[in-house]
Amino acid sequence: MKYTEFKQLHMYRQAEHLLRYGHLLAERRQDSFRLRLFALGDFYAEEWREYDAERILFIHLFQHPAGLHDYLEHIRLPEEL
């Protein structure tokens, strides 16, 4: 799925699509939030939740690699690479 298509989905559908088709790259904590970074199609998606909660607050989308800076030390590449 391309960035423009994904962006048009309701957040609930975005979350479903990320779990099914996205590649979880990293997780990190920022203040009282738990963030998970996914790669999907031609973009990245950053899922924000309160640290001890399951409800997603929002999903931040970006395409530019500069958005990966805060994750560089946390990214886990597949072993077969």
Protein backbone atom coordinates (compact mmCIF):
# COMPACT_ATOMS: atom_id res chain seq x y z
CA MET A 1 0.00 0.00 0.00
CA LYS A 2 1.27 3.44 -0.89
CA TYR A 3 1.53 6.42 1.46
CA THR A 4 -1.40 8.33 -0.08
CA GLU A 5 -3.73 5.32 0.15
CA PHE A 6 -2.76 4.54 3.73
CA LYS A 7 -3.16 8.15 4.81
CA GLN A 8 -6.81 8.09 3.71
CA LEU A 9 -7.68 5.16 6.00
CA HIS A 10 -9.27 5.68 9.42
CA MET A 11 -6.70 5.25 12.21
CA TYR A 12 -8.35 1.96 13.27
CA ARG A 13 -7.84 0.56 9.75
CA GLN A 14 -4.29 1.93 9.66
CA ALA A 15 -3.47 0.06 12.87
CA GLU A 16 -4.94 -3.18 11.48
CA HIS A 17 -2.97 -2.80 8.27
CA LEU A 18 0.28 -2.13 10.15
CA LEU A 19 -0.13 -5.26 12.27
CA ARG A 20 -0.90 -7.41 9.26
CA TYR A 21 1.48 -6.06 6.61
CA GLY A 22 3.91 -3.71 8.31
CA HIS A 23 7.44 -4.62 9.33
CA LEU A 24 8.12 -3.70 12.94
CA LEU A 25 11.56 -2.11 12.95
CA ALA A 26 11.96 -0.76 16.47
CA GLU A 27 10.30 0.24 19.71
CA ARG A 28 11.28 3.03 22.05
CA ARG A 29 10.00 5.06 24.97
CA GLN A 30 9.65 8.83 24.96
CA ASP A 31 8.48 10.40 28.20
CA SER A 32 5.24 8.59 29.09
CA PHE A 33 4.71 7.20 25.58
CA ARG A 34 5.54 3.89 23.90
CA LEU A 35 6.41 4.27 20.23
CA ARG A 36 6.68 1.56 17.60
CA LEU A 37 8.19 2.12 14.18
CA PHE A 38 6.90 0.21 11.16
CA ALA A 39 8.04 0.13 7.53
CA LEU A 40 5.31 -0.34 4.97
CA GLY A 41 5.36 0.26 1.23
CA ASP A 42 7.02 3.60 0.49
CA PHE A 43 6.75 5.08 4.00
CA TYR A 44 7.26 4.63 7.73
CA ALA A 45 4.59 4.72 10.42
CA GLU A 46 5.19 5.64 14.04
CA GLU A 47 2.50 4.34 16.38
CA TRP A 48 2.07 6.35 19.61
CA ARG A 49 0.50 4.89 22.77
CA GLU A 50 0.56 5.84 26.41
CA TYR A 51 3.22 3.66 27.99
CA ASP A 52 0.92 1.35 29.98
CA ALA A 53 -2.11 1.48 27.66
CA GLU A 54 -3.18 -0.44 24.59
CA ARG A 55 -5.19 2.34 22.93
CA ILE A 56 -3.37 4.04 20.07
CA LEU A 57 -3.26 7.80 20.43
CA PHE A 58 -2.16 8.51 16.86
CA ILE A 59 -0.08 7.22 13.98
CA HIS A 60 2.54 9.55 12.55
CA LEU A 61 3.49 8.88 8.92
CA PHE A 62 6.66 9.98 7.15
CA GLN A 63 8.67 9.16 4.07
CA HIS A 64 11.95 10.97 4.61
CA PRO A 65 14.74 8.87 6.20
CA ALA A 66 15.58 11.76 8.56
CA GLY A 67 12.58 10.64 10.62
CA LEU A 68 14.49 7.48 11.51
CA HIS A 69 17.17 9.35 13.48
CA ASP A 70 15.62 8.71 16.93
CA TYR A 71 15.37 4.98 16.15
CA LEU A 72 18.81 4.20 14.76
CA GLU A 73 20.11 2.53 17.92
CA HIS A 74 16.87 0.51 18.32
CA ILE A 75 16.30 -0.81 14.78
CA ARG A 76 16.49 -4.60 14.48
CA LEU A 77 17.23 -5.86 10.98
CA PRO A 78 16.25 -9.42 10.02
CA GLU A 79 19.09 -11.90 10.57
CA GLU A 80 18.98 -13.10 6.96
CA LEU A 81 20.21 -9.72 5.67
